[in-house]
Each structure stands twice: as C-alpha cells, then as structure tokens.
Full PDB file with SEQRES, HELIX, SHEET, SSBOND, CRYST1, ORIGX, SCALE, CONECT and MASTER records, all heavy atoms in Angstrom:
SEQRES   1 A   36  ARG HIS TYR GLY SER THR ALA PRO PRO ALA ALA PHE TYR          
SEQRES   2 A   36  LEU TYR SER ALA ASP ARG THR ALA GLU HIS ALA HIS ALA          
SEQRES   3 A   36  LEU LEU LYS GLY CYS SER GLY HIS LEU HIS                      
HELIX    1 AA1 ALA A   21  LEU A   27  1                                   7    
CRYST1    1.000    1.000    1.000  90.00  90.00  90.00 P 1           1          
ORIGX1      1.000000  0.000000  0.000000        0.00000                         
ORIGX2      0.000000  1.000000  0.000000        0.00000                         
ORIGX3      0.000000  0.000000  1.000000        0.00000                         
SCALE1      1.000000  0.000000  0.000000        0.00000                         
SCALE2      0.000000  1.000000  0.000000        0.00000                         
SCALE3      0.000000  0.000000  1.000000        0.00000                         
ATOM      1  N   ARG A   1       0.804  -1.168  -0.016  1.00  0.00           N  
ATOM      2  CA  ARG A   1      -0.075   0.032   0.100  1.00  0.00           C  
ATOM      3  C   ARG A   1       0.845   1.245  -0.019  1.00  0.00           C  
ATOM      4  O   ARG A   1       0.413   2.270  -0.483  1.00  0.00           O  
ATOM      5  CB  ARG A   1      -0.921   0.027   1.161  1.00  0.00           C  
ATOM      6  CG  ARG A   1      -1.958  -1.011   1.147  1.00  0.00           C  
ATOM      7  CD  ARG A   1      -2.750  -1.127   2.485  1.00  0.00           C  
ATOM      8  NE  ARG A   1      -1.899  -1.653   3.543  1.00  0.00           N  
ATOM      9  CZ  ARG A   1      -2.391  -1.847   4.784  1.00  0.00           C  
ATOM     10  NH1 ARG A   1      -3.585  -1.619   5.074  1.00  0.00           N  
ATOM     11  NH2 ARG A   1      -1.537  -2.343   5.758  1.00  0.00           N  
ATOM     12  N   HIS A   2       2.068   1.147   0.431  1.00  0.00           N  
ATOM     13  CA  HIS A   2       2.897   2.376   0.604  1.00  0.00           C  
ATOM     14  C   HIS A   2       3.243   2.905  -0.823  1.00  0.00           C  
ATOM     15  O   HIS A   2       3.706   4.087  -0.906  1.00  0.00           O  
ATOM     16  CB  HIS A   2       4.168   2.003   1.491  1.00  0.00           C  
ATOM     17  CG  HIS A   2       5.016   0.862   0.928  1.00  0.00           C  
ATOM     18  ND1 HIS A   2       4.659  -0.440   1.457  1.00  0.00           N  
ATOM     19  CD2 HIS A   2       5.923   0.748   0.021  1.00  0.00           C  
ATOM     20  CE1 HIS A   2       5.493  -1.327   0.864  1.00  0.00           C  
ATOM     21  NE2 HIS A   2       6.201  -0.545  -0.104  1.00  0.00           N  
ATOM     22  N   TYR A   3       3.318   2.143  -1.872  1.00  0.00           N  
ATOM     23  CA  TYR A   3       3.590   2.648  -3.175  1.00  0.00           C  
ATOM     24  C   TYR A   3       2.305   2.592  -4.079  1.00  0.00           C  
ATOM     25  O   TYR A   3       2.285   2.571  -5.269  1.00  0.00           O  
ATOM     26  CB  TYR A   3       4.679   2.021  -3.872  1.00  0.00           C  
ATOM     27  CG  TYR A   3       4.589   0.538  -4.161  1.00  0.00           C  
ATOM     28  CD1 TYR A   3       4.039   0.091  -5.360  1.00  0.00           C  
ATOM     29  CD2 TYR A   3       5.126  -0.384  -3.241  1.00  0.00           C  
ATOM     30  CE1 TYR A   3       3.994  -1.338  -5.589  1.00  0.00           C  
ATOM     31  CE2 TYR A   3       5.131  -1.826  -3.501  1.00  0.00           C  
ATOM     32  CZ  TYR A   3       4.588  -2.294  -4.679  1.00  0.00           C  
ATOM     33  OH  TYR A   3       4.522  -3.529  -4.927  1.00  0.00           O  
ATOM     34  N   GLY A   4       1.054   2.536  -3.519  1.00  0.00           N  
ATOM     35  CA  GLY A   4      -0.095   2.805  -4.196  1.00  0.00           C  
ATOM     36  C   GLY A   4      -0.604   1.425  -4.969  1.00  0.00           C  
ATOM     37  O   GLY A   4      -1.537   1.562  -5.713  1.00  0.00           O  
ATOM     38  N   SER A   5      -0.085   0.402  -4.572  1.00  0.00           N  
ATOM     39  CA  SER A   5      -0.473  -0.874  -5.221  1.00  0.00           C  
ATOM     40  C   SER A   5      -1.905  -1.333  -4.540  1.00  0.00           C  
ATOM     41  O   SER A   5      -2.231  -1.082  -3.449  1.00  0.00           O  
ATOM     42  CB  SER A   5       0.454  -2.003  -4.943  1.00  0.00           C  
ATOM     43  OG  SER A   5       0.052  -3.289  -5.389  1.00  0.00           O  
ATOM     44  N   THR A   6      -2.712  -1.951  -5.495  1.00  0.00           N  
ATOM     45  CA  THR A   6      -4.030  -2.456  -5.059  1.00  0.00           C  
ATOM     46  C   THR A   6      -4.033  -3.855  -4.537  1.00  0.00           C  
ATOM     47  O   THR A   6      -4.980  -4.438  -4.079  1.00  0.00           O  
ATOM     48  CB  THR A   6      -5.053  -2.299  -6.048  1.00  0.00           C  
ATOM     49  OG1 THR A   6      -4.656  -2.999  -7.276  1.00  0.00           O  
ATOM     50  CG2 THR A   6      -5.269  -0.783  -6.470  1.00  0.00           C  
ATOM     51  N   ALA A   7      -2.856  -4.527  -4.409  1.00  0.00           N  
ATOM     52  CA  ALA A   7      -2.690  -5.887  -3.988  1.00  0.00           C  
ATOM     53  C   ALA A   7      -3.010  -5.909  -2.537  1.00  0.00           C  
ATOM     54  O   ALA A   7      -2.582  -5.080  -1.781  1.00  0.00           O  
ATOM     55  CB  ALA A   7      -1.304  -6.424  -4.202  1.00  0.00           C  
ATOM     56  N   PRO A   8      -3.886  -6.746  -2.093  1.00  0.00           N  
ATOM     57  CA  PRO A   8      -4.332  -6.884  -0.724  1.00  0.00           C  
ATOM     58  C   PRO A   8      -3.170  -7.232   0.328  1.00  0.00           C  
ATOM     59  O   PRO A   8      -2.410  -8.039  -0.118  1.00  0.00           O  
ATOM     60  CB  PRO A   8      -5.387  -7.952  -0.646  1.00  0.00           C  
ATOM     61  CG  PRO A   8      -5.156  -8.789  -1.788  1.00  0.00           C  
ATOM     62  CD  PRO A   8      -4.540  -7.913  -2.802  1.00  0.00           C  
ATOM     63  N   PRO A   9      -3.057  -6.544   1.347  1.00  0.00           N  
ATOM     64  CA  PRO A   9      -1.958  -6.923   2.330  1.00  0.00           C  
ATOM     65  C   PRO A   9      -2.281  -8.108   3.123  1.00  0.00           C  
ATOM     66  O   PRO A   9      -3.454  -8.503   3.250  1.00  0.00           O  
ATOM     67  CB  PRO A   9      -2.009  -5.645   3.389  1.00  0.00           C  
ATOM     68  CG  PRO A   9      -3.459  -5.080   3.265  1.00  0.00           C  
ATOM     69  CD  PRO A   9      -3.839  -5.437   1.849  1.00  0.00           C  
ATOM     70  N   ALA A  10      -1.337  -8.868   3.583  1.00  0.00           N  
ATOM     71  CA  ALA A  10      -1.520 -10.172   4.237  1.00  0.00           C  
ATOM     72  C   ALA A  10      -0.255 -10.447   5.000  1.00  0.00           C  
ATOM     73  O   ALA A  10       0.924  -9.949   4.746  1.00  0.00           O  
ATOM     74  CB  ALA A  10      -1.826 -11.239   3.243  1.00  0.00           C  
ATOM     75  N   ALA A  11      -0.510 -11.241   6.191  1.00  0.00           N  
ATOM     76  CA  ALA A  11       0.670 -11.725   6.925  1.00  0.00           C  
ATOM     77  C   ALA A  11       0.465 -13.115   7.233  1.00  0.00           C  
ATOM     78  O   ALA A  11      -0.575 -13.695   7.485  1.00  0.00           O  
ATOM     79  CB  ALA A  11       0.477 -10.990   8.396  1.00  0.00           C  
ATOM     80  N   PHE A  12       1.628 -13.858   7.069  1.00  0.00           N  
ATOM     81  CA  PHE A  12       1.685 -15.299   7.251  1.00  0.00           C  
ATOM     82  C   PHE A  12       2.601 -15.683   8.391  1.00  0.00           C  
ATOM     83  O   PHE A  12       3.767 -14.981   8.530  1.00  0.00           O  
ATOM     84  CB  PHE A  12       2.216 -16.025   5.863  1.00  0.00           C  
ATOM     85  CG  PHE A  12       2.648 -17.432   6.036  1.00  0.00           C  
ATOM     86  CD1 PHE A  12       1.847 -18.269   6.627  1.00  0.00           C  
ATOM     87  CD2 PHE A  12       3.986 -17.796   5.704  1.00  0.00           C  
ATOM     88  CE1 PHE A  12       2.257 -19.650   6.720  1.00  0.00           C  
ATOM     89  CE2 PHE A  12       4.426 -19.000   5.843  1.00  0.00           C  
ATOM     90  CZ  PHE A  12       3.576 -20.008   6.286  1.00  0.00           C  
ATOM     91  N   TYR A  13       2.189 -16.512   9.233  1.00  0.00           N  
ATOM     92  CA  TYR A  13       3.073 -16.829  10.472  1.00  0.00           C  
ATOM     93  C   TYR A  13       3.537 -18.327  10.366  1.00  0.00           C  
ATOM     94  O   TYR A  13       2.737 -19.127   9.921  1.00  0.00           O  
ATOM     95  CB  TYR A  13       2.281 -16.568  11.791  1.00  0.00           C  
ATOM     96  CG  TYR A  13       1.984 -15.117  11.940  1.00  0.00           C  
ATOM     97  CD1 TYR A  13       0.945 -14.531  11.216  1.00  0.00           C  
ATOM     98  CD2 TYR A  13       2.696 -14.356  12.755  1.00  0.00           C  
ATOM     99  CE1 TYR A  13       0.608 -13.147  11.476  1.00  0.00           C  
ATOM    100  CE2 TYR A  13       2.383 -12.948  12.972  1.00  0.00           C  
ATOM    101  CZ  TYR A  13       1.349 -12.389  12.243  1.00  0.00           C  
ATOM    102  OH  TYR A  13       1.112 -11.090  12.451  1.00  0.00           O  
ATOM    103  N   LEU A  14       4.570 -18.618  10.978  1.00  0.00           N  
ATOM    104  CA  LEU A  14       5.204 -19.950  11.007  1.00  0.00           C  
ATOM    105  C   LEU A  14       5.762 -20.075  12.401  1.00  0.00           C  
ATOM    106  O   LEU A  14       6.601 -19.284  12.829  1.00  0.00           O  
ATOM    107  CB  LEU A  14       6.190 -20.202   9.826  1.00  0.00           C  
ATOM    108  CG  LEU A  14       6.803 -21.503   9.834  1.00  0.00           C  
ATOM    109  CD1 LEU A  14       5.735 -22.543   9.301  1.00  0.00           C  
ATOM    110  CD2 LEU A  14       8.006 -21.549   8.847  1.00  0.00           C  
ATOM    111  N   TYR A  15       5.520 -21.278  13.012  1.00  0.00           N  
ATOM    112  CA  TYR A  15       6.237 -21.597  14.311  1.00  0.00           C  
ATOM    113  C   TYR A  15       7.312 -22.564  14.061  1.00  0.00           C  
ATOM    114  O   TYR A  15       7.359 -23.424  13.205  1.00  0.00           O  
ATOM    115  CB  TYR A  15       5.174 -22.240  15.258  1.00  0.00           C  
ATOM    116  CG  TYR A  15       5.834 -22.763  16.501  1.00  0.00           C  
ATOM    117  CD1 TYR A  15       6.160 -21.943  17.633  1.00  0.00           C  
ATOM    118  CD2 TYR A  15       6.144 -24.085  16.667  1.00  0.00           C  
ATOM    119  CE1 TYR A  15       6.826 -22.296  18.705  1.00  0.00           C  
ATOM    120  CE2 TYR A  15       6.886 -24.500  17.829  1.00  0.00           C  
ATOM    121  CZ  TYR A  15       7.032 -23.658  18.850  1.00  0.00           C  
ATOM    122  OH  TYR A  15       7.798 -24.148  19.986  1.00  0.00           O  
ATOM    123  N   SER A  16       8.350 -22.446  14.856  1.00  0.00           N  
ATOM    124  CA  SER A  16       9.510 -23.346  14.904  1.00  0.00           C  
ATOM    125  C   SER A  16      10.068 -23.544  16.350  1.00  0.00           C  
ATOM    126  O   SER A  16       9.915 -22.626  17.102  1.00  0.00           O  
ATOM    127  CB  SER A  16      10.634 -22.953  13.921  1.00  0.00           C  
ATOM    128  OG  SER A  16      11.279 -21.755  14.493  1.00  0.00           O  
ATOM    129  N   ALA A  17      10.641 -24.725  16.522  1.00  0.00           N  
ATOM    130  CA  ALA A  17      11.086 -24.900  17.891  1.00  0.00           C  
ATOM    131  C   ALA A  17      12.449 -24.241  18.161  1.00  0.00           C  
ATOM    132  O   ALA A  17      12.871 -24.195  19.178  1.00  0.00           O  
ATOM    133  CB  ALA A  17      11.291 -26.462  18.058  1.00  0.00           C  
ATOM    134  N   ASP A  18      13.180 -23.746  17.196  1.00  0.00           N  
ATOM    135  CA  ASP A  18      14.406 -23.094  17.255  1.00  0.00           C  
ATOM    136  C   ASP A  18      14.583 -22.005  16.221  1.00  0.00           C  
ATOM    137  O   ASP A  18      13.714 -21.761  15.432  1.00  0.00           O  
ATOM    138  CB  ASP A  18      15.631 -24.022  17.294  1.00  0.00           C  
ATOM    139  CG  ASP A  18      15.620 -24.969  16.057  1.00  0.00           C  
ATOM    140  OD1 ASP A  18      15.472 -24.441  14.979  1.00  0.00           O  
ATOM    141  OD2 ASP A  18      15.741 -26.174  16.202  1.00  0.00           O  
ATOM    142  N   ARG A  19      15.790 -21.377  16.145  1.00  0.00           N  
ATOM    143  CA  ARG A  19      15.958 -20.264  15.186  1.00  0.00           C  
ATOM    144  C   ARG A  19      16.981 -20.531  14.246  1.00  0.00           C  
ATOM    145  O   ARG A  19      17.761 -19.766  13.722  1.00  0.00           O  
ATOM    146  CB  ARG A  19      16.425 -18.964  16.021  1.00  0.00           C  
ATOM    147  CG  ARG A  19      16.104 -17.702  15.247  1.00  0.00           C  
ATOM    148  CD  ARG A  19      16.765 -16.484  15.833  1.00  0.00           C  
ATOM    149  NE  ARG A  19      16.334 -15.282  15.167  1.00  0.00           N  
ATOM    150  CZ  ARG A  19      16.991 -14.187  15.114  1.00  0.00           C  
ATOM    151  NH1 ARG A  19      18.109 -14.008  15.879  1.00  0.00           N  
ATOM    152  NH2 ARG A  19      16.552 -13.034  14.578  1.00  0.00           N  
ATOM    153  N   THR A  20      17.079 -21.868  13.752  1.00  0.00           N  
ATOM    154  CA  THR A  20      18.059 -22.186  12.746  1.00  0.00           C  
ATOM    155  C   THR A  20      17.575 -21.692  11.368  1.00  0.00           C  
ATOM    156  O   THR A  20      16.477 -21.379  11.167  1.00  0.00           O  
ATOM    157  CB  THR A  20      18.224 -23.748  12.685  1.00  0.00           C  
ATOM    158  OG1 THR A  20      16.902 -24.299  12.452  1.00  0.00           O  
ATOM    159  CG2 THR A  20      18.812 -24.321  13.934  1.00  0.00           C  
ATOM    160  N   ALA A  21      18.649 -21.641  10.462  1.00  0.00           N  
ATOM    161  CA  ALA A  21      18.343 -20.963   9.138  1.00  0.00           C  
ATOM    162  C   ALA A  21      17.289 -21.716   8.303  1.00  0.00           C  
ATOM    163  O   ALA A  21      16.601 -21.118   7.538  1.00  0.00           O  
ATOM    164  CB  ALA A  21      19.688 -20.902   8.408  1.00  0.00           C  
ATOM    165  N   GLU A  22      17.162 -23.025   8.592  1.00  0.00           N  
ATOM    166  CA  GLU A  22      16.264 -23.795   7.698  1.00  0.00           C  
ATOM    167  C   GLU A  22      14.771 -23.289   7.875  1.00  0.00           C  
ATOM    168  O   GLU A  22      13.934 -23.366   6.981  1.00  0.00           O  
ATOM    169  CB  GLU A  22      16.298 -25.259   8.148  1.00  0.00           C  
ATOM    170  CG  GLU A  22      15.969 -25.571   9.494  1.00  0.00           C  
ATOM    171  CD  GLU A  22      16.054 -27.002   9.868  1.00  0.00           C  
ATOM    172  OE1 GLU A  22      15.234 -27.806   9.211  1.00  0.00           O  
ATOM    173  OE2 GLU A  22      16.947 -27.476  10.674  1.00  0.00           O  
ATOM    174  N   HIS A  23      14.455 -22.728   9.069  1.00  0.00           N  
ATOM    175  CA  HIS A  23      13.155 -22.284   9.410  1.00  0.00           C  
ATOM    176  C   HIS A  23      12.899 -20.899   8.705  1.00  0.00           C  
ATOM    177  O   HIS A  23      11.796 -20.669   8.101  1.00  0.00           O  
ATOM    178  CB  HIS A  23      12.879 -22.081  10.930  1.00  0.00           C  
ATOM    179  CG  HIS A  23      13.058 -23.362  11.591  1.00  0.00           C  
ATOM    180  ND1 HIS A  23      12.371 -24.495  11.299  1.00  0.00           N  
ATOM    181  CD2 HIS A  23      13.792 -23.729  12.576  1.00  0.00           C  
ATOM    182  CE1 HIS A  23      12.615 -25.563  12.139  1.00  0.00           C  
ATOM    183  NE2 HIS A  23      13.644 -24.995  12.920  1.00  0.00           N  
ATOM    184  N   ALA A  24      13.996 -20.067   8.595  1.00  0.00           N  
ATOM    185  CA  ALA A  24      13.882 -18.804   7.855  1.00  0.00           C  
ATOM    186  C   ALA A  24      13.605 -19.105   6.354  1.00  0.00           C  
ATOM    187  O   ALA A  24      12.873 -18.404   5.714  1.00  0.00           O  
ATOM    188  CB  ALA A  24      15.127 -17.956   8.031  1.00  0.00           C  
ATOM    189  N   HIS A  25      14.330 -20.152   5.915  1.00  0.00           N  
ATOM    190  CA  HIS A  25      14.193 -20.505   4.424  1.00  0.00           C  
ATOM    191  C   HIS A  25      12.791 -21.108   4.202  1.00  0.00           C  
ATOM    192  O   HIS A  25      12.168 -20.924   3.185  1.00  0.00           O  
ATOM    193  CB  HIS A  25      15.245 -21.494   4.031  1.00  0.00           C  
ATOM    194  CG  HIS A  25      16.633 -20.841   4.042  1.00  0.00           C  
ATOM    195  ND1 HIS A  25      17.627 -21.362   3.273  1.00  0.00           N  
ATOM    196  CD2 HIS A  25      17.192 -19.843   4.651  1.00  0.00           C  
ATOM    197  CE1 HIS A  25      18.829 -20.553   3.374  1.00  0.00           C  
ATOM    198  NE2 HIS A  25      18.441 -19.728   4.331  1.00  0.00           N  
ATOM    199  N   ALA A  26      12.235 -21.877   5.121  1.00  0.00           N  
ATOM    200  CA  ALA A  26      10.952 -22.468   5.078  1.00  0.00           C  
ATOM    201  C   ALA A  26       9.786 -21.410   4.886  1.00  0.00           C  
ATOM    202  O   ALA A  26       8.893 -21.394   4.235  1.00  0.00           O  
ATOM    203  CB  ALA A  26      10.662 -23.426   6.086  1.00  0.00           C  
ATOM    204  N   LEU A  27      10.028 -20.316   5.775  1.00  0.00           N  
ATOM    205  CA  LEU A  27       9.161 -19.202   5.842  1.00  0.00           C  
ATOM    206  C   LEU A  27       9.037 -18.578   4.510  1.00  0.00           C  
ATOM    207  O   LEU A  27       7.949 -18.250   4.042  1.00  0.00           O  
ATOM    208  CB  LEU A  27       9.526 -18.279   6.923  1.00  0.00           C  
ATOM    209  CG  LEU A  27       8.758 -16.973   6.902  1.00  0.00           C  
ATOM    210  CD1 LEU A  27       7.472 -17.193   7.635  1.00  0.00           C  
ATOM    211  CD2 LEU A  27       9.536 -15.759   7.739  1.00  0.00           C  
ATOM    212  N   LEU A  28      10.187 -18.381   3.786  1.00  0.00           N  
ATOM    213  CA  LEU A  28      10.181 -17.627   2.482  1.00  0.00           C  
ATOM    214  C   LEU A  28      10.390 -18.599   1.261  1.00  0.00           C  
ATOM    215  O   LEU A  28      10.795 -18.019   0.191  1.00  0.00           O  
ATOM    216  CB  LEU A  28      11.346 -16.692   2.586  1.00  0.00           C  
ATOM    217  CG  LEU A  28      11.333 -15.638   3.818  1.00  0.00           C  
ATOM    218  CD1 LEU A  28      12.597 -14.985   4.001  1.00  0.00           C  
ATOM    219  CD2 LEU A  28      10.205 -14.762   3.549  1.00  0.00           C  
ATOM    220  N   LYS A  29       9.951 -19.806   1.380  1.00  0.00           N  
ATOM    221  CA  LYS A  29      10.073 -20.741   0.262  1.00  0.00           C  
ATOM    222  C   LYS A  29       9.236 -20.296  -0.902  1.00  0.00           C  
ATOM    223  O   LYS A  29       8.069 -19.946  -0.680  1.00  0.00           O  
ATOM    224  CB  LYS A  29       9.602 -22.163   0.785  1.00  0.00           C  
ATOM    225  CG  LYS A  29       9.828 -23.235  -0.205  1.00  0.00           C  
ATOM    226  CD  LYS A  29       9.382 -24.555   0.220  1.00  0.00           C  
ATOM    227  CE  LYS A  29       9.473 -25.672  -0.921  1.00  0.00           C  
ATOM    228  NZ  LYS A  29       9.103 -26.996  -0.325  1.00  0.00           N  
ATOM    229  N   GLY A  30       9.880 -20.185  -2.030  1.00  0.00           N  
ATOM    230  CA  GLY A  30       9.150 -19.694  -3.240  1.00  0.00           C  
ATOM    231  C   GLY A  30       9.101 -18.252  -3.367  1.00  0.00           C  
ATOM    232  O   GLY A  30       8.708 -17.730  -4.458  1.00  0.00           O  
ATOM    233  N   CYS A  31       9.647 -17.385  -2.468  1.00  0.00           N  
ATOM    234  CA  CYS A  31       9.669 -15.993  -2.596  1.00  0.00           C  
ATOM    235  C   CYS A  31      10.805 -15.562  -3.526  1.00  0.00           C  
ATOM    236  O   CYS A  31      11.775 -16.223  -3.679  1.00  0.00           O  
ATOM    237  CB  CYS A  31       9.904 -15.262  -1.271  1.00  0.00           C  
ATOM    238  SG  CYS A  31       8.611 -15.454  -0.084  1.00  0.00           S  
ATOM    239  N   SER A  32      10.552 -14.515  -4.305  1.00  0.00           N  
ATOM    240  CA  SER A  32      11.556 -14.026  -5.171  1.00  0.00           C  
ATOM    241  C   SER A  32      11.398 -12.418  -5.262  1.00  0.00           C  
ATOM    242  O   SER A  32      10.240 -12.002  -5.093  1.00  0.00           O  
ATOM    243  CB  SER A  32      11.406 -14.612  -6.597  1.00  0.00           C  
ATOM    244  OG  SER A  32      10.153 -14.209  -7.204  1.00  0.00           O  
ATOM    245  N   GLY A  33      12.475 -11.709  -5.455  1.00  0.00           N  
ATOM    246  CA  GLY A  33      12.279 -10.268  -5.445  1.00  0.00           C  
ATOM    247  C   GLY A  33      13.240  -9.719  -4.316  1.00  0.00           C  
ATOM    248  O   GLY A  33      14.340  -9.915  -4.266  1.00  0.00           O  
ATOM    249  N   HIS A  34      12.611  -8.970  -3.405  1.00  0.00           N  
ATOM    250  CA  HIS A  34      13.332  -8.216  -2.387  1.00  0.00           C  
ATOM    251  C   HIS A  34      12.734  -8.633  -1.031  1.00  0.00           C  
ATOM    252  O   HIS A  34      11.544  -8.838  -0.830  1.00  0.00           O  
ATOM    253  CB  HIS A  34      13.171  -6.736  -2.568  1.00  0.00           C  
ATOM    254  CG  HIS A  34      13.906  -6.095  -3.766  1.00  0.00           C  
ATOM    255  ND1 HIS A  34      13.176  -6.176  -5.002  1.00  0.00           N  
ATOM    256  CD2 HIS A  34      15.112  -5.688  -3.972  1.00  0.00           C  
ATOM    257  CE1 HIS A  34      14.045  -5.694  -5.913  1.00  0.00           C  
ATOM    258  NE2 HIS A  34      15.209  -5.367  -5.247  1.00  0.00           N  
ATOM    259  N   LEU A  35      13.775  -8.724   0.051  1.00  0.00           N  
ATOM    260  CA  LEU A  35      13.325  -9.182   1.363  1.00  0.00           C  
ATOM    261  C   LEU A  35      13.708  -7.961   2.275  1.00  0.00           C  
ATOM    262  O   LEU A  35      14.942  -7.637   2.304  1.00  0.00           O  
ATOM    263  CB  LEU A  35      14.011 -10.362   1.838  1.00  0.00           C  
ATOM    264  CG  LEU A  35      13.888 -10.856   3.209  1.00  0.00           C  
ATOM    265  CD1 LEU A  35      12.447 -11.088   3.574  1.00  0.00           C  
ATOM    266  CD2 LEU A  35      14.720 -12.070   3.517  1.00  0.00           C  
ATOM    267  N   HIS A  36      12.801  -7.398   2.883  1.00  0.00           N  
ATOM    268  CA  HIS A  36      13.040  -6.489   4.094  1.00  0.00           C  
ATOM    269  C   HIS A  36      13.339  -7.303   5.286  1.00  0.00           C  
ATOM    270  O   HIS A  36      12.333  -8.028   5.794  1.00  0.00           O  
ATOM    271  CB  HIS A  36      11.950  -5.544   4.326  1.00  0.00           C  
ATOM    272  CG  HIS A  36      11.703  -4.552   3.144  1.00  0.00           C  
ATOM    273  ND1 HIS A  36      10.980  -5.004   2.013  1.00  0.00           N  
ATOM    274  CD2 HIS A  36      11.932  -3.242   2.897  1.00  0.00           C  
ATOM    275  CE1 HIS A  36      10.950  -3.995   1.168  1.00  0.00           C  
ATOM    276  NE2 HIS A  36      11.456  -2.932   1.716  1.00  0.00           N  
TER     277      HIS A  36                                                      
MASTER        0    0    0    1    0    0    0    6  276    1    0    3          
END                                                                             
C-alpha cells in the first residue's frame, strides 16, 4: 500500500522450535524479489 498498489496486504506466520536458518528458508520458500 505504501507505493499505491491495490494488492491486498496479508501476513503469514510460522512456528519453529528453534531459530536455525532452515526455518527462515521455510518461511520464505518460493519467494523472489526483495526481502526487508
């Protein structure tokens, strides 16, 4: 919305038992472009 797009906003959550990198990768699986 900050740049005027009409794409609906959404939030996706994922639980993991620890903070290893594999969970970060699972969260963003299939993403492409830019990551804040």
